[in-house]
N, C-alpha and C. Protein backbone atom coordinates (compact mmCIF):
# COMPACT_ATOMS: atom_id res chain seq x y z
N UNK A 1 57.22 -48.49 -15.86
CA UNK A 1 56.24 -47.30 -15.79
C UNK A 1 55.15 -47.82 -15.94
N UNK A 2 54.30 -47.17 -15.53
CA UNK A 2 52.63 -47.18 -15.53
C UNK A 2 52.42 -46.94 -17.31
N UNK A 3 51.79 -47.51 -17.89
CA UNK A 3 51.08 -47.39 -19.01
C UNK A 3 49.78 -45.84 -18.94
N UNK A 4 49.20 -45.02 -20.17
CA UNK A 4 48.54 -44.64 -20.13
C UNK A 4 46.88 -45.13 -20.25
N UNK A 5 46.18 -44.57 -18.84
CA UNK A 5 44.46 -45.17 -19.18
C UNK A 5 44.20 -45.78 -20.39
N UNK A 6 44.03 -44.74 -21.69
CA UNK A 6 43.39 -45.04 -22.74
C UNK A 6 44.40 -45.97 -23.76
N UNK A 7 45.48 -47.15 -23.51
CA UNK A 7 45.76 -47.76 -24.29
C UNK A 7 44.55 -48.75 -24.20
N UNK A 8 44.52 -49.70 -25.26
CA UNK A 8 43.79 -50.96 -24.92
C UNK A 8 43.79 -52.19 -23.97
N UNK A 9 42.53 -52.24 -23.59
CA UNK A 9 42.65 -53.66 -22.25
C UNK A 9 43.78 -54.51 -22.47
N UNK A 10 43.60 -55.07 -23.91
CA UNK A 10 44.60 -56.17 -24.08
C UNK A 10 46.07 -55.65 -23.87
N UNK A 11 46.45 -54.60 -24.15
CA UNK A 11 47.67 -53.89 -24.05
C UNK A 11 48.09 -53.42 -22.65
N UNK A 12 46.81 -53.68 -21.68
CA UNK A 12 47.36 -53.30 -20.79
C UNK A 12 47.56 -54.11 -19.39
N UNK A 13 46.73 -55.18 -19.98
CA UNK A 13 47.26 -56.50 -19.32
C UNK A 13 48.58 -57.13 -19.49
N UNK A 14 49.58 -57.85 -18.71
CA UNK A 14 50.93 -57.59 -18.83
C UNK A 14 51.19 -59.52 -18.12
N UNK A 15 51.47 -60.22 -18.27
CA UNK A 15 51.70 -61.87 -17.92
C UNK A 15 53.53 -61.89 -17.46
N UNK A 16 54.27 -62.42 -16.71
CA UNK A 16 55.55 -62.14 -15.80
C UNK A 16 55.44 -63.47 -14.95
N UNK A 17 56.97 -63.94 -15.30
CA UNK A 17 57.29 -65.31 -14.15
C UNK A 17 58.49 -64.60 -13.83
N UNK A 18 58.50 -64.35 -12.15
CA UNK A 18 59.35 -64.13 -11.40
C UNK A 18 59.95 -64.92 -10.65
N UNK A 19 61.23 -65.20 -10.71
CA UNK A 19 62.09 -66.12 -10.01
C UNK A 19 62.08 -65.66 -8.47
N UNK A 20 61.82 -66.12 -7.43
CA UNK A 20 61.70 -65.61 -6.02
C UNK A 20 62.59 -66.58 -5.08
N UNK A 21 64.20 -65.94 -4.36
CA UNK A 21 64.32 -66.65 -3.68
C UNK A 21 64.17 -66.12 -1.93
N UNK A 22 63.82 -67.30 -1.04
CA UNK A 22 63.98 -67.03 -0.15
C UNK A 22 62.73 -67.69 0.69
N UNK A 23 61.81 -68.28 -0.36
CA UNK A 23 60.58 -69.08 0.56
C UNK A 23 61.10 -69.98 1.14
N UNK A 24 60.94 -70.34 2.34
CA UNK A 24 61.32 -71.35 3.79
C UNK A 24 60.58 -72.14 3.57
N UNK A 25 59.41 -72.08 2.69
CA UNK A 25 58.60 -73.57 2.85
C UNK A 25 56.84 -73.68 2.19
N UNK A 26 56.53 -74.52 1.52
CA UNK A 26 55.12 -74.42 0.80
C UNK A 26 53.96 -72.95 1.44
N UNK A 27 54.09 -72.99 2.38
CA UNK A 27 53.23 -71.89 3.49
C UNK A 27 53.45 -70.53 2.77
N UNK A 28 54.68 -70.51 2.60
CA UNK A 28 55.37 -69.00 2.32
C UNK A 28 54.28 -68.34 1.01
N UNK A 29 54.06 -69.46 0.17
CA UNK A 29 52.83 -69.18 -1.38
C UNK A 29 52.07 -68.58 -0.61
N UNK A 30 51.38 -68.51 0.68
CA UNK A 30 49.78 -67.96 0.95
C UNK A 30 50.50 -66.26 1.07
N UNK A 31 51.52 -66.17 1.92
CA UNK A 31 51.98 -64.97 2.16
C UNK A 31 52.03 -64.11 1.26
N UNK A 32 52.68 -64.46 0.09
CA UNK A 32 53.75 -63.95 -1.45
C UNK A 32 51.96 -63.86 -1.90
N UNK A 33 50.99 -64.66 -2.11
CA UNK A 33 49.85 -64.65 -3.14
C UNK A 33 49.60 -63.09 -2.31
N UNK A 34 48.93 -63.36 -1.14
CA UNK A 34 48.05 -62.52 -0.89
C UNK A 34 48.56 -61.49 -1.17
N UNK A 35 49.77 -60.98 0.06
CA UNK A 35 50.56 -59.65 -0.25
C UNK A 35 50.61 -58.79 -1.33
N UNK A 36 51.27 -59.61 -2.76
CA UNK A 36 51.40 -59.62 -3.78
C UNK A 36 49.83 -58.83 -4.40
N UNK A 37 48.91 -59.65 -4.43
CA UNK A 37 47.49 -59.60 -4.83
C UNK A 37 47.22 -58.78 -4.16
N UNK A 38 47.15 -57.93 -3.43
CA UNK A 38 46.29 -56.80 -2.56
C UNK A 38 47.50 -55.41 -3.24
N UNK A 39 47.86 -55.45 -4.00
CA UNK A 39 48.66 -53.98 -5.47
C UNK A 39 47.36 -54.51 -6.41
N UNK A 40 46.70 -53.09 -6.55
CA UNK A 40 46.12 -52.85 -7.56
C UNK A 40 46.04 -53.62 -8.65
N UNK A 41 44.79 -54.05 -9.50
CA UNK A 41 45.08 -54.61 -10.80
C UNK A 41 45.90 -56.38 -11.01
N UNK A 42 46.46 -56.61 -10.19
CA UNK A 42 47.89 -57.84 -10.22
C UNK A 42 47.21 -58.56 -9.54
N UNK A 43 47.02 -60.46 -9.96
CA UNK A 43 46.62 -61.68 -9.67
C UNK A 43 47.79 -62.35 -9.56
N UNK A 44 48.74 -62.53 -8.48
CA UNK A 44 49.59 -63.46 -8.36
C UNK A 44 49.26 -64.99 -7.34
N UNK A 45 50.31 -65.81 -8.04
CA UNK A 45 50.51 -67.42 -7.93
C UNK A 45 51.61 -68.02 -7.83
N UNK A 46 52.44 -67.92 -6.47
CA UNK A 46 53.57 -68.44 -6.63
C UNK A 46 53.57 -70.06 -6.83
N UNK A 47 54.72 -70.18 -6.85
CA UNK A 47 55.15 -71.98 -6.48
C UNK A 47 56.50 -72.13 -5.80
N UNK A 48 56.51 -72.72 -4.36
CA UNK A 48 57.92 -73.04 -3.63
C UNK A 48 58.22 -74.09 -4.20
N UNK A 49 57.81 -75.08 -4.44
CA UNK A 49 58.48 -76.38 -5.94
C UNK A 49 58.88 -75.49 -6.68
N UNK A 50 58.59 -74.48 -7.41
CA UNK A 50 59.86 -74.15 -8.49
C UNK A 50 60.56 -72.92 -8.44
N UNK A 51 60.36 -72.15 -6.89
CA UNK A 51 60.53 -70.91 -6.46
C UNK A 51 60.71 -70.13 -7.48
N UNK A 52 59.21 -69.17 -7.96
CA UNK A 52 58.80 -68.91 -8.36
C UNK A 52 57.46 -68.02 -8.52
N UNK A 53 57.13 -67.01 -9.40
CA UNK A 53 55.91 -66.56 -9.18
C UNK A 53 55.30 -65.74 -9.91
N UNK A 54 54.59 -66.58 -10.36
CA UNK A 54 53.54 -66.13 -11.65
C UNK A 54 52.76 -64.48 -11.91
N UNK A 55 52.94 -63.55 -11.88
CA UNK A 55 52.03 -61.92 -11.84
C UNK A 55 51.33 -61.99 -13.32
N UNK A 56 50.08 -61.72 -12.95
CA UNK A 56 49.32 -60.91 -14.41
C UNK A 56 48.51 -59.45 -13.74
N UNK A 57 48.94 -58.17 -14.39
CA UNK A 57 48.73 -57.21 -13.36
C UNK A 57 48.35 -56.31 -14.78
N UNK A 58 47.80 -54.89 -14.39
CA UNK A 58 47.26 -54.16 -15.07
C UNK A 58 48.25 -53.10 -15.00
N UNK A 59 49.00 -52.58 -16.94
CA UNK A 59 49.78 -51.27 -16.18
C UNK A 59 49.58 -50.59 -15.95
N UNK A 60 48.34 -50.21 -15.90
CA UNK A 60 47.75 -48.62 -16.09
C UNK A 60 47.84 -48.55 -14.14
N UNK A 61 47.57 -49.69 -13.42
CA UNK A 61 47.47 -49.31 -12.59
C UNK A 61 48.55 -49.90 -11.59
N UNK A 62 49.27 -50.26 -11.99
CA UNK A 62 50.43 -51.08 -11.11
C UNK A 62 51.79 -51.55 -12.41
N UNK A 63 52.86 -50.89 -11.73
CA UNK A 63 54.20 -51.06 -12.34
C UNK A 63 54.44 -51.92 -11.70
N UNK A 64 55.77 -52.63 -12.72
CA UNK A 64 56.43 -54.31 -12.09
C UNK A 64 57.58 -53.51 -10.97
N UNK A 65 58.48 -52.15 -11.36
CA UNK A 65 59.06 -52.21 -9.92
C UNK A 65 58.16 -52.38 -8.82
N UNK A 66 56.93 -51.97 -8.62
CA UNK A 66 56.33 -52.21 -7.53
C UNK A 66 55.65 -53.68 -7.05
N UNK A 67 55.89 -54.19 -7.75
CA UNK A 67 55.59 -55.69 -7.26
C UNK A 67 57.21 -56.09 -6.95
N UNK A 68 57.94 -55.89 -7.60
CA UNK A 68 59.30 -56.11 -6.99
C UNK A 68 60.01 -55.36 -5.71
N UNK A 69 59.47 -54.27 -6.11
CA UNK A 69 59.44 -53.73 -3.99
C UNK A 69 58.52 -54.44 -3.18
N UNK A 70 57.54 -54.75 -3.52
CA UNK A 70 56.75 -55.63 -2.35
C UNK A 70 57.15 -56.80 -2.19
N UNK A 71 57.66 -57.65 -2.96
CA UNK A 71 58.38 -58.37 -2.51
C UNK A 71 60.03 -58.43 -1.50
N UNK A 72 60.39 -57.07 -2.06
CA UNK A 72 61.67 -56.85 -1.47
C UNK A 72 61.29 -56.55 0.07
N UNK A 73 60.14 -55.77 0.36
CA UNK A 73 59.83 -54.97 1.55
C UNK A 73 59.27 -56.90 2.54
N UNK A 74 59.20 -57.90 1.85
CA UNK A 74 59.32 -59.05 2.59
C UNK A 74 60.01 -60.07 2.71
N UNK A 75 61.29 -59.16 2.30
CA UNK A 75 62.13 -60.61 2.48
C UNK A 75 62.81 -61.36 1.32
N UNK A 76 62.12 -60.99 -0.16
CA UNK A 76 62.22 -61.85 -0.92
C UNK A 76 63.09 -61.19 -1.70
N UNK A 77 64.27 -61.78 -2.38
CA UNK A 77 65.04 -61.35 -3.42
C UNK A 77 64.15 -61.76 -5.45
N UNK A 78 64.01 -60.48 -5.76
CA UNK A 78 63.73 -61.49 -7.47
C UNK A 78 64.84 -61.83 -8.69
N UNK A 79 64.34 -62.40 -8.67
CA UNK A 79 65.66 -62.70 -10.18
C UNK A 79 64.97 -63.46 -11.41
N UNK A 80 65.63 -63.44 -12.28
CA UNK A 80 64.71 -63.89 -13.90
C UNK A 80 64.66 -65.23 -13.62
N UNK A 81 63.20 -65.43 -14.00
CA UNK A 81 62.92 -67.26 -14.01
C UNK A 81 63.38 -67.79 -15.21
N UNK A 82 64.27 -68.53 -14.96
CA UNK A 82 64.16 -69.90 -15.99
C UNK A 82 64.05 -70.99 -16.01
N UNK A 83 63.18 -71.79 -16.35
CA UNK A 83 62.81 -73.18 -16.53
C UNK A 83 63.66 -74.19 -16.92
N UNK A 84 63.68 -75.17 -15.58
CA UNK A 84 65.07 -76.21 -15.93
C UNK A 84 64.29 -77.17 -17.29
N UNK A 85 65.19 -77.32 -18.14
CA UNK A 85 65.01 -78.09 -19.03
C UNK A 85 65.12 -79.47 -18.72
N UNK A 86 64.71 -80.74 -18.64
CA UNK A 86 65.04 -81.86 -18.38
C UNK A 86 66.01 -82.57 -19.66
N UNK A 87 66.97 -82.62 -19.26
CA UNK A 87 68.12 -83.98 -20.31
C UNK A 87 67.46 -84.89 -20.33
N UNK A 88 67.05 -85.43 -21.55
CA UNK A 88 66.92 -86.89 -21.74
C UNK A 88 68.43 -87.72 -21.87
N UNK A 89 68.68 -88.76 -21.93
CA UNK A 89 69.79 -89.83 -22.04
C UNK A 89 69.34 -89.92 -24.04
N UNK A 90 70.72 -89.63 -24.10
CA UNK A 90 70.80 -90.12 -25.68
C UNK A 90 70.59 -91.57 -26.19
N UNK A 91 69.57 -91.41 -27.16
CA UNK A 91 69.18 -92.73 -27.74
C UNK A 91 70.04 -93.76 -28.11
N UNK A 92 70.12 -94.87 -28.31
CA UNK A 92 71.45 -95.92 -28.10
C UNK A 92 70.81 -96.78 -29.73
């Protein structure tokens, strides 16, 4: 849902990291970044290596469901993004 225009600028900006399934190669990053960044008030940077998309957007211009819909139209599935933590071997 969009935020009213009279909300202060800092509260209008949102940043989220989404998991993206279906990227076949690093080349897919360019297409995703370009398509999502064409949405009003959105900047996007995807990573094939982590299967993620970092999105910053102005909530008065574009709502999160619009971003998800754009990815869906391109054939990608969006999922919650969870960073994998590296387990360290126990100290002996």
